[in-house]
């Protein structure tokens, strides 16, 4: 099946359940709290997101993010990793690229790149940040091809979890 349409998530709140189902399939997780987190994130300042639909109207990919602000759980975790000058340069007033997922049957066709570019197009922040698993080399290579670079290695967002990297990209000069 081909991708027929890309829609804005923030204008199609009914898609949130389908996005949560794709998240669980892609990441092989039974995480009921993720849908609640997505709903909460959709109310954050600067939220924007896109979903790719196949010709049957099923979601095969999505991306979303929002303005990263002090007081938000993940912002506070990342802030601990940066010296004050680094924080001011990368996290202060940044866009946090939170999630990207593409169904395995639709990978390596340019969809991830399209979802990333759509998400960042028109963002008014000076920088964007994201995290990805340190072992996810294919994701890191994709992001690097799109102008991102590693800011921090071995970031542990949870005590029992695996290491991540924090990546950043300048959006304005």
N, C-alpha and C. Protein backbone atom coordinates (compact mmCIF):
# COMPACT_ATOMS: atom_id res chain seq x y z
N UNK A 1 0.83 -1.19 0.00
CA UNK A 1 0.00 0.00 0.00
C UNK A 1 0.87 1.24 0.00
N UNK A 2 0.43 2.22 -0.68
CA UNK A 2 1.21 3.45 -0.78
C UNK A 2 0.68 4.49 0.20
N UNK A 3 1.53 5.46 0.48
CA UNK A 3 1.12 6.58 1.32
C UNK A 3 0.33 7.54 0.44
N UNK A 4 -0.88 7.81 0.84
CA UNK A 4 -1.77 8.64 0.04
C UNK A 4 -1.89 10.07 0.54
N UNK A 5 -1.73 10.25 1.84
CA UNK A 5 -2.01 11.57 2.40
C UNK A 5 -1.22 11.76 3.68
N UNK A 6 -0.80 12.99 3.91
CA UNK A 6 -0.20 13.36 5.19
C UNK A 6 -1.08 14.44 5.79
N UNK A 7 -1.49 14.21 7.04
CA UNK A 7 -2.40 15.13 7.71
C UNK A 7 -1.76 15.66 8.98
N UNK A 8 -2.23 16.82 9.41
CA UNK A 8 -1.76 17.40 10.67
C UNK A 8 -2.44 16.67 11.82
N UNK A 9 -1.66 16.27 12.79
CA UNK A 9 -2.22 15.59 13.96
C UNK A 9 -3.05 16.56 14.79
N UNK A 10 -2.55 17.77 14.97
CA UNK A 10 -3.25 18.71 15.84
C UNK A 10 -4.59 19.15 15.28
N UNK A 11 -4.87 18.84 14.03
CA UNK A 11 -6.17 19.16 13.44
C UNK A 11 -7.03 17.90 13.32
N UNK A 12 -6.50 16.76 13.74
CA UNK A 12 -7.20 15.49 13.62
C UNK A 12 -7.02 14.68 14.90
N UNK A 13 -7.58 15.18 16.00
CA UNK A 13 -7.38 14.54 17.29
C UNK A 13 -7.86 13.09 17.31
N UNK A 14 -8.78 12.73 16.43
CA UNK A 14 -9.28 11.35 16.40
C UNK A 14 -8.20 10.36 15.97
N UNK A 15 -7.12 10.84 15.42
CA UNK A 15 -6.03 9.96 14.98
C UNK A 15 -5.13 9.50 16.13
N UNK A 16 -5.27 10.08 17.30
CA UNK A 16 -4.36 9.78 18.40
C UNK A 16 -4.37 8.30 18.79
N UNK A 17 -5.53 7.66 18.79
CA UNK A 17 -5.60 6.23 19.13
C UNK A 17 -4.85 5.39 18.09
N UNK A 18 -4.99 5.73 16.81
CA UNK A 18 -4.29 5.00 15.76
C UNK A 18 -2.78 5.22 15.86
N UNK A 19 -2.38 6.42 16.22
CA UNK A 19 -0.95 6.71 16.38
C UNK A 19 -0.39 5.90 17.54
N UNK A 20 -1.14 5.84 18.64
CA UNK A 20 -0.70 5.06 19.79
C UNK A 20 -0.55 3.59 19.42
N UNK A 21 -1.45 3.07 18.60
CA UNK A 21 -1.36 1.67 18.17
C UNK A 21 -0.12 1.45 17.30
N UNK A 22 0.19 2.39 16.42
CA UNK A 22 1.39 2.26 15.59
C UNK A 22 2.64 2.33 16.47
N UNK A 23 2.65 3.22 17.45
CA UNK A 23 3.77 3.31 18.39
C UNK A 23 4.03 1.94 19.03
N UNK A 24 2.97 1.32 19.52
CA UNK A 24 3.11 0.03 20.19
C UNK A 24 3.63 -1.04 19.22
N UNK A 25 3.18 -0.98 17.98
CA UNK A 25 3.64 -1.96 16.99
C UNK A 25 5.10 -1.74 16.61
N UNK A 26 5.47 -0.50 16.33
CA UNK A 26 6.83 -0.19 15.90
C UNK A 26 7.84 -0.47 17.01
N UNK A 27 7.52 -0.06 18.23
CA UNK A 27 8.46 -0.21 19.34
C UNK A 27 8.24 -1.49 20.12
N UNK A 28 7.28 -2.31 19.67
CA UNK A 28 7.00 -3.60 20.30
C UNK A 28 6.77 -3.45 21.80
N UNK A 29 5.91 -2.49 22.15
CA UNK A 29 5.63 -2.20 23.55
C UNK A 29 4.13 -2.19 23.79
N UNK A 30 3.73 -2.79 24.86
CA UNK A 30 2.35 -2.67 25.34
C UNK A 30 2.37 -1.58 26.40
N UNK A 31 2.21 -0.36 25.97
CA UNK A 31 2.35 0.79 26.87
C UNK A 31 1.08 1.62 26.79
N UNK A 32 0.12 1.31 27.63
CA UNK A 32 -1.15 2.04 27.62
C UNK A 32 -0.97 3.51 28.03
N UNK A 33 0.07 3.80 28.81
CA UNK A 33 0.28 5.18 29.25
C UNK A 33 0.75 6.07 28.10
N UNK A 34 1.25 5.45 27.02
CA UNK A 34 1.78 6.25 25.92
C UNK A 34 0.68 7.07 25.26
N UNK A 35 -0.50 6.49 25.10
CA UNK A 35 -1.61 7.25 24.50
C UNK A 35 -1.97 8.45 25.37
N UNK A 36 -1.98 8.26 26.69
CA UNK A 36 -2.25 9.37 27.60
C UNK A 36 -1.18 10.45 27.47
N UNK A 37 0.08 10.02 27.33
CA UNK A 37 1.18 10.96 27.17
C UNK A 37 1.03 11.75 25.86
N UNK A 38 0.64 11.05 24.80
CA UNK A 38 0.43 11.73 23.52
C UNK A 38 -0.68 12.77 23.62
N UNK A 39 -1.77 12.42 24.26
CA UNK A 39 -2.87 13.37 24.44
C UNK A 39 -2.38 14.58 25.24
N UNK A 40 -1.63 14.33 26.33
CA UNK A 40 -1.09 15.43 27.14
C UNK A 40 -0.16 16.30 26.30
N UNK A 41 0.74 15.66 25.55
CA UNK A 41 1.67 16.42 24.71
C UNK A 41 0.95 17.27 23.67
N UNK A 42 -0.17 16.77 23.16
CA UNK A 42 -0.89 17.53 22.13
C UNK A 42 -1.42 18.86 22.66
N UNK A 43 -1.47 19.00 23.99
CA UNK A 43 -1.89 20.26 24.59
C UNK A 43 -0.74 21.19 24.94
N UNK A 44 0.49 20.76 24.71
CA UNK A 44 1.66 21.59 25.04
C UNK A 44 1.80 22.75 24.06
N UNK A 45 2.40 23.81 24.57
CA UNK A 45 2.68 24.98 23.74
C UNK A 45 3.51 24.57 22.52
N UNK A 46 3.12 25.06 21.37
CA UNK A 46 3.87 24.83 20.14
C UNK A 46 3.73 23.42 19.58
N UNK A 47 2.76 22.63 20.07
CA UNK A 47 2.60 21.27 19.56
C UNK A 47 2.28 21.30 18.07
N UNK A 48 2.95 20.40 17.37
CA UNK A 48 2.65 20.18 15.95
C UNK A 48 3.04 18.76 15.62
N UNK A 49 2.29 18.17 14.72
CA UNK A 49 2.58 16.81 14.34
C UNK A 49 1.92 16.45 13.02
N UNK A 50 2.43 15.38 12.42
CA UNK A 50 1.92 14.92 11.14
C UNK A 50 1.80 13.41 11.15
N UNK A 51 0.79 12.92 10.46
CA UNK A 51 0.59 11.48 10.32
C UNK A 51 0.45 11.16 8.84
N UNK A 52 1.09 10.07 8.42
CA UNK A 52 1.00 9.60 7.04
C UNK A 52 -0.01 8.47 6.99
N UNK A 53 -0.94 8.57 6.06
CA UNK A 53 -1.99 7.57 5.91
C UNK A 53 -1.78 6.79 4.61
N UNK A 54 -2.06 5.48 4.66
CA UNK A 54 -2.00 4.69 3.43
C UNK A 54 -3.32 4.81 2.67
N UNK A 55 -3.44 4.09 1.58
CA UNK A 55 -4.64 4.22 0.76
C UNK A 55 -5.89 3.65 1.41
N UNK A 56 -5.74 2.96 2.54
CA UNK A 56 -6.89 2.49 3.32
C UNK A 56 -7.20 3.42 4.49
N UNK A 57 -6.48 4.54 4.59
CA UNK A 57 -6.69 5.48 5.68
C UNK A 57 -6.04 5.08 6.98
N UNK A 58 -5.14 4.08 6.95
CA UNK A 58 -4.43 3.63 8.15
C UNK A 58 -3.14 4.42 8.32
N UNK A 59 -2.80 4.74 9.56
CA UNK A 59 -1.58 5.48 9.83
C UNK A 59 -0.38 4.55 9.66
N UNK A 60 0.59 5.00 8.84
CA UNK A 60 1.80 4.22 8.61
C UNK A 60 3.05 4.96 9.09
N UNK A 61 2.88 6.17 9.57
CA UNK A 61 4.00 6.94 10.10
C UNK A 61 3.50 8.21 10.75
N UNK A 62 4.32 8.75 11.64
CA UNK A 62 3.96 10.00 12.29
C UNK A 62 5.22 10.66 12.86
N UNK A 63 5.10 11.95 13.09
CA UNK A 63 6.13 12.71 13.79
C UNK A 63 5.42 13.80 14.58
N UNK A 64 6.00 14.15 15.74
CA UNK A 64 5.43 15.27 16.48
C UNK A 64 6.46 15.85 17.43
N UNK A 65 6.19 17.06 17.86
CA UNK A 65 7.03 17.75 18.81
C UNK A 65 6.32 18.97 19.34
N UNK A 66 7.03 19.74 20.17
CA UNK A 66 6.46 20.92 20.80
C UNK A 66 7.58 21.79 21.35
N UNK A 67 7.20 22.95 21.85
CA UNK A 67 8.16 23.83 22.50
C UNK A 67 8.62 23.18 23.80
N UNK A 68 9.92 23.06 23.97
CA UNK A 68 10.49 22.46 25.17
C UNK A 68 10.66 23.55 26.23
N UNK A 69 10.02 23.35 27.37
CA UNK A 69 10.01 24.39 28.41
C UNK A 69 10.39 23.83 29.77
N UNK A 70 11.01 24.67 30.61
CA UNK A 70 11.28 24.25 31.99
C UNK A 70 9.99 23.81 32.66
N UNK A 71 10.10 22.77 33.45
CA UNK A 71 8.94 22.23 34.13
C UNK A 71 8.40 20.97 33.43
N UNK A 72 8.69 20.83 32.16
CA UNK A 72 8.30 19.61 31.45
C UNK A 72 9.29 18.51 31.84
N UNK A 73 8.78 17.31 32.04
CA UNK A 73 9.57 16.21 32.54
C UNK A 73 10.84 15.98 31.72
N UNK A 74 10.72 15.81 30.42
CA UNK A 74 11.88 15.47 29.61
C UNK A 74 12.83 16.66 29.45
N UNK A 75 12.29 17.85 29.36
CA UNK A 75 13.13 19.05 29.30
C UNK A 75 14.02 19.10 30.54
N UNK A 76 13.43 18.86 31.70
CA UNK A 76 14.20 18.91 32.94
C UNK A 76 15.28 17.84 32.97
N UNK A 77 14.99 16.64 32.44
CA UNK A 77 16.01 15.58 32.38
C UNK A 77 17.18 16.00 31.49
N UNK A 78 16.86 16.52 30.31
CA UNK A 78 17.93 16.94 29.39
C UNK A 78 18.72 18.10 29.96
N UNK A 79 18.05 19.03 30.62
CA UNK A 79 18.71 20.21 31.16
C UNK A 79 19.84 19.84 32.11
N UNK A 80 19.69 18.73 32.83
CA UNK A 80 20.73 18.29 33.76
C UNK A 80 22.02 17.90 33.04
N UNK A 81 21.94 17.62 31.76
CA UNK A 81 23.09 17.18 30.98
C UNK A 81 23.94 18.33 30.45
N UNK A 82 23.42 19.56 30.52
CA UNK A 82 24.07 20.70 29.88
C UNK A 82 24.60 21.71 30.89
N UNK A 83 25.77 22.24 30.59
CA UNK A 83 26.27 23.40 31.33
C UNK A 83 25.36 24.58 30.97
N UNK A 84 25.42 25.64 31.76
CA UNK A 84 24.52 26.78 31.55
C UNK A 84 24.64 27.36 30.14
N UNK A 85 25.87 27.51 29.64
CA UNK A 85 26.04 28.08 28.30
C UNK A 85 25.48 27.14 27.22
N UNK A 86 25.64 25.83 27.41
CA UNK A 86 25.07 24.87 26.47
C UNK A 86 23.55 24.88 26.54
N UNK A 87 23.03 24.98 27.74
CA UNK A 87 21.58 25.05 27.92
C UNK A 87 21.02 26.25 27.16
N UNK A 88 21.66 27.41 27.36
CA UNK A 88 21.19 28.63 26.68
C UNK A 88 21.26 28.48 25.16
N UNK A 89 22.28 27.81 24.68
CA UNK A 89 22.47 27.65 23.24
C UNK A 89 21.49 26.65 22.63
N UNK A 90 21.22 25.53 23.33
CA UNK A 90 20.45 24.44 22.72
C UNK A 90 19.05 24.25 23.27
N UNK A 91 18.85 24.37 24.57
CA UNK A 91 17.54 24.03 25.13
C UNK A 91 16.64 25.23 25.38
N UNK A 92 17.21 26.38 25.62
CA UNK A 92 16.39 27.56 25.90
C UNK A 92 15.64 27.96 24.63
N UNK A 93 14.34 27.88 24.68
CA UNK A 93 13.53 28.28 23.53
C UNK A 93 13.63 27.33 22.35
N UNK A 94 13.85 26.05 22.60
CA UNK A 94 14.01 25.11 21.49
C UNK A 94 12.71 24.37 21.18
N UNK A 95 12.71 23.74 20.02
CA UNK A 95 11.63 22.83 19.63
C UNK A 95 12.10 21.43 19.97
N UNK A 96 11.30 20.70 20.71
CA UNK A 96 11.66 19.33 21.07
C UNK A 96 10.97 18.36 20.11
N UNK A 97 11.76 17.71 19.29
CA UNK A 97 11.28 16.70 18.35
C UNK A 97 11.10 15.43 19.17
N UNK A 98 9.86 15.08 19.49
CA UNK A 98 9.58 14.05 20.48
C UNK A 98 9.52 12.65 19.88
N UNK A 99 8.79 12.48 18.80
CA UNK A 99 8.57 11.13 18.27
C UNK A 99 8.58 11.11 16.75
N UNK A 100 9.13 10.02 16.24
CA UNK A 100 9.06 9.67 14.82
C UNK A 100 8.94 8.17 14.75
N UNK A 101 7.98 7.68 14.01
CA UNK A 101 7.85 6.24 13.79
C UNK A 101 7.28 6.01 12.40
N UNK A 102 7.81 5.00 11.73
CA UNK A 102 7.32 4.60 10.42
C UNK A 102 7.14 3.09 10.46
N UNK A 103 5.99 2.63 10.00
CA UNK A 103 5.71 1.20 9.95
C UNK A 103 6.80 0.51 9.13
N UNK A 104 7.28 -0.65 9.57
CA UNK A 104 8.37 -1.35 8.85
C UNK A 104 8.12 -1.53 7.35
N UNK A 105 6.90 -1.73 6.94
CA UNK A 105 6.59 -1.93 5.52
C UNK A 105 6.76 -0.66 4.70
N UNK A 106 6.91 0.48 5.35
CA UNK A 106 7.02 1.77 4.65
C UNK A 106 8.37 2.44 4.87
N UNK A 107 9.33 1.72 5.42
CA UNK A 107 10.66 2.29 5.66
C UNK A 107 11.49 2.29 4.39
N UNK A 108 12.53 3.13 4.42
CA UNK A 108 13.49 3.25 3.31
C UNK A 108 12.82 3.71 2.01
N UNK A 109 11.77 4.52 2.16
CA UNK A 109 11.07 5.08 1.00
C UNK A 109 11.00 6.60 1.07
N UNK A 110 11.72 7.19 2.03
CA UNK A 110 11.73 8.64 2.17
C UNK A 110 10.66 9.20 3.08
N UNK A 111 9.82 8.35 3.65
CA UNK A 111 8.72 8.84 4.48
C UNK A 111 9.22 9.49 5.76
N UNK A 112 10.20 8.89 6.42
CA UNK A 112 10.73 9.48 7.67
C UNK A 112 11.29 10.87 7.39
N UNK A 113 12.07 11.00 6.33
CA UNK A 113 12.63 12.30 5.96
C UNK A 113 11.52 13.31 5.70
N UNK A 114 10.48 12.90 5.00
CA UNK A 114 9.36 13.81 4.71
C UNK A 114 8.66 14.23 5.99
N UNK A 115 8.44 13.30 6.91
CA UNK A 115 7.78 13.63 8.17
C UNK A 115 8.63 14.56 9.04
N UNK A 116 9.94 14.36 9.02
CA UNK A 116 10.85 15.25 9.77
C UNK A 116 10.82 16.65 9.17
N UNK A 117 10.97 16.74 7.85
CA UNK A 117 11.00 18.04 7.20
C UNK A 117 9.69 18.80 7.37
N UNK A 118 8.56 18.10 7.25
CA UNK A 118 7.26 18.75 7.47
C UNK A 118 7.15 19.27 8.89
N UNK A 119 7.60 18.48 9.83
CA UNK A 119 7.50 18.86 11.24
C UNK A 119 8.30 20.14 11.52
N UNK A 120 9.48 20.23 10.95
CA UNK A 120 10.35 21.38 11.24
C UNK A 120 10.08 22.59 10.36
N UNK A 121 9.43 22.40 9.23
CA UNK A 121 9.14 23.50 8.31
C UNK A 121 8.23 24.52 8.98
N UNK A 122 8.71 25.72 9.11
CA UNK A 122 7.93 26.79 9.71
C UNK A 122 8.04 26.91 11.22
N UNK A 123 8.81 26.02 11.86
CA UNK A 123 9.02 26.14 13.30
C UNK A 123 9.82 27.42 13.55
N UNK A 124 9.40 28.21 14.52
CA UNK A 124 10.02 29.52 14.75
C UNK A 124 11.12 29.50 15.80
N UNK A 125 11.46 28.35 16.33
CA UNK A 125 12.50 28.23 17.34
C UNK A 125 13.88 28.32 16.68
N UNK A 126 14.88 28.70 17.47
CA UNK A 126 16.24 28.81 16.92
C UNK A 126 16.93 27.46 16.80
N UNK A 127 16.54 26.50 17.65
CA UNK A 127 17.14 25.17 17.62
C UNK A 127 16.07 24.11 17.83
N UNK A 128 16.45 22.88 17.51
CA UNK A 128 15.61 21.72 17.81
C UNK A 128 16.49 20.66 18.44
N UNK A 129 15.92 19.89 19.34
CA UNK A 129 16.65 18.78 19.96
C UNK A 129 15.78 17.53 19.89
N UNK A 130 16.46 16.39 19.96
CA UNK A 130 15.78 15.10 20.01
C UNK A 130 16.68 14.13 20.74
N UNK A 131 16.11 13.01 21.12
CA UNK A 131 16.91 11.93 21.67
C UNK A 131 16.57 10.65 20.91
N UNK A 132 17.56 9.79 20.80
CA UNK A 132 17.35 8.47 20.21
C UNK A 132 18.30 7.50 20.89
N UNK A 133 17.96 6.23 20.83
CA UNK A 133 18.79 5.23 21.48
C UNK A 133 20.20 5.28 20.91
N UNK A 134 21.17 5.14 21.79
CA UNK A 134 22.57 5.17 21.39
C UNK A 134 22.88 4.06 20.38
N UNK A 135 22.16 2.96 20.45
CA UNK A 135 22.38 1.82 19.55
C UNK A 135 21.60 1.94 18.24
N UNK A 136 20.75 2.95 18.10
CA UNK A 136 19.93 3.11 16.90
C UNK A 136 20.72 3.89 15.84
N UNK A 137 21.68 3.21 15.25
CA UNK A 137 22.59 3.87 14.30
C UNK A 137 21.89 4.32 13.03
N UNK A 138 20.88 3.58 12.57
CA UNK A 138 20.18 3.99 11.35
C UNK A 138 19.45 5.32 11.57
N UNK A 139 18.83 5.49 12.74
CA UNK A 139 18.16 6.76 13.04
C UNK A 139 19.18 7.89 13.13
N UNK A 140 20.29 7.65 13.82
CA UNK A 140 21.31 8.69 13.95
C UNK A 140 21.85 9.10 12.58
N UNK A 141 22.07 8.14 11.70
CA UNK A 141 22.57 8.47 10.36
C UNK A 141 21.55 9.30 9.58
N UNK A 142 20.26 8.94 9.69
CA UNK A 142 19.22 9.73 9.03
C UNK A 142 19.25 11.16 9.54
N UNK A 143 19.25 11.32 10.85
CA UNK A 143 19.25 12.66 11.43
C UNK A 143 20.50 13.44 11.01
N UNK A 144 21.66 12.79 11.00
CA UNK A 144 22.89 13.47 10.60
C UNK A 144 22.80 13.94 9.15
N UNK A 145 22.22 13.12 8.27
CA UNK A 145 22.05 13.54 6.86
C UNK A 145 21.14 14.76 6.75
N UNK A 146 20.28 14.96 7.75
CA UNK A 146 19.35 16.09 7.74
C UNK A 146 19.83 17.27 8.57
N UNK A 147 21.12 17.26 8.94
CA UNK A 147 21.71 18.42 9.60
C UNK A 147 21.78 18.37 11.11
N UNK A 148 21.43 17.26 11.73
CA UNK A 148 21.51 17.11 13.18
C UNK A 148 22.91 16.63 13.55
N UNK A 149 23.33 16.93 14.78
CA UNK A 149 24.57 16.36 15.28
C UNK A 149 24.43 16.03 16.77
N UNK A 150 25.24 15.08 17.21
CA UNK A 150 25.17 14.62 18.59
C UNK A 150 25.71 15.72 19.52
N UNK A 151 24.90 16.06 20.50
CA UNK A 151 25.30 17.04 21.52
C UNK A 151 25.81 16.34 22.78
N UNK A 152 25.19 15.22 23.12
CA UNK A 152 25.54 14.48 24.33
C UNK A 152 25.42 12.99 24.06
N UNK A 153 26.44 12.25 24.48
CA UNK A 153 26.41 10.79 24.43
C UNK A 153 25.99 10.26 25.79
N UNK A 154 25.51 9.05 25.82
CA UNK A 154 25.21 8.33 27.06
C UNK A 154 24.28 9.09 27.99
N UNK A 155 23.16 9.54 27.45
CA UNK A 155 22.09 10.18 28.22
C UNK A 155 21.14 9.08 28.66
N UNK A 156 20.88 9.00 29.96
CA UNK A 156 20.00 7.97 30.51
C UNK A 156 18.71 8.62 31.00
N UNK A 157 17.64 8.55 30.21
CA UNK A 157 16.38 9.16 30.64
C UNK A 157 15.69 8.42 31.78
N UNK A 158 16.08 7.15 32.00
CA UNK A 158 15.55 6.42 33.16
C UNK A 158 16.67 5.57 33.74
N UNK A 159 16.58 5.32 35.02
CA UNK A 159 17.64 4.60 35.73
C UNK A 159 17.83 3.18 35.21
N UNK A 160 16.76 2.52 34.82
CA UNK A 160 16.87 1.14 34.38
C UNK A 160 16.93 0.99 32.86
N UNK A 161 16.94 2.10 32.14
CA UNK A 161 16.89 2.03 30.69
C UNK A 161 18.24 2.05 30.01
N UNK A 162 18.17 2.00 28.69
CA UNK A 162 19.37 2.01 27.87
C UNK A 162 19.84 3.44 27.62
N UNK A 163 21.09 3.62 27.20
CA UNK A 163 21.59 4.97 26.93
C UNK A 163 21.04 5.53 25.63
N UNK A 164 20.86 6.81 25.62
CA UNK A 164 20.41 7.58 24.46
C UNK A 164 21.47 8.60 24.11
N UNK A 165 21.33 9.23 22.95
CA UNK A 165 22.11 10.41 22.61
C UNK A 165 21.13 11.57 22.49
N UNK A 166 21.61 12.75 22.81
CA UNK A 166 20.85 13.98 22.57
C UNK A 166 21.45 14.61 21.32
N UNK A 167 20.58 14.89 20.35
CA UNK A 167 21.05 15.49 19.09
C UNK A 167 20.40 16.87 18.96
N UNK A 168 21.09 17.76 18.26
CA UNK A 168 20.57 19.10 18.05
C UNK A 168 20.74 19.55 16.61
N UNK A 169 19.93 20.52 16.26
CA UNK A 169 19.98 21.11 14.92
C UNK A 169 19.60 22.58 15.01
N UNK A 170 20.40 23.42 14.39
CA UNK A 170 20.07 24.84 14.31
C UNK A 170 18.97 25.02 13.27
N UNK A 171 17.95 25.81 13.62
CA UNK A 171 16.85 26.04 12.70
C UNK A 171 16.91 27.41 12.07
N UNK A 172 17.52 28.36 12.77
CA UNK A 172 17.67 29.71 12.23
C UNK A 172 19.10 30.15 12.45
N UNK A 173 19.52 31.11 11.68
CA UNK A 173 20.91 31.62 11.82
C UNK A 173 20.94 32.93 12.54
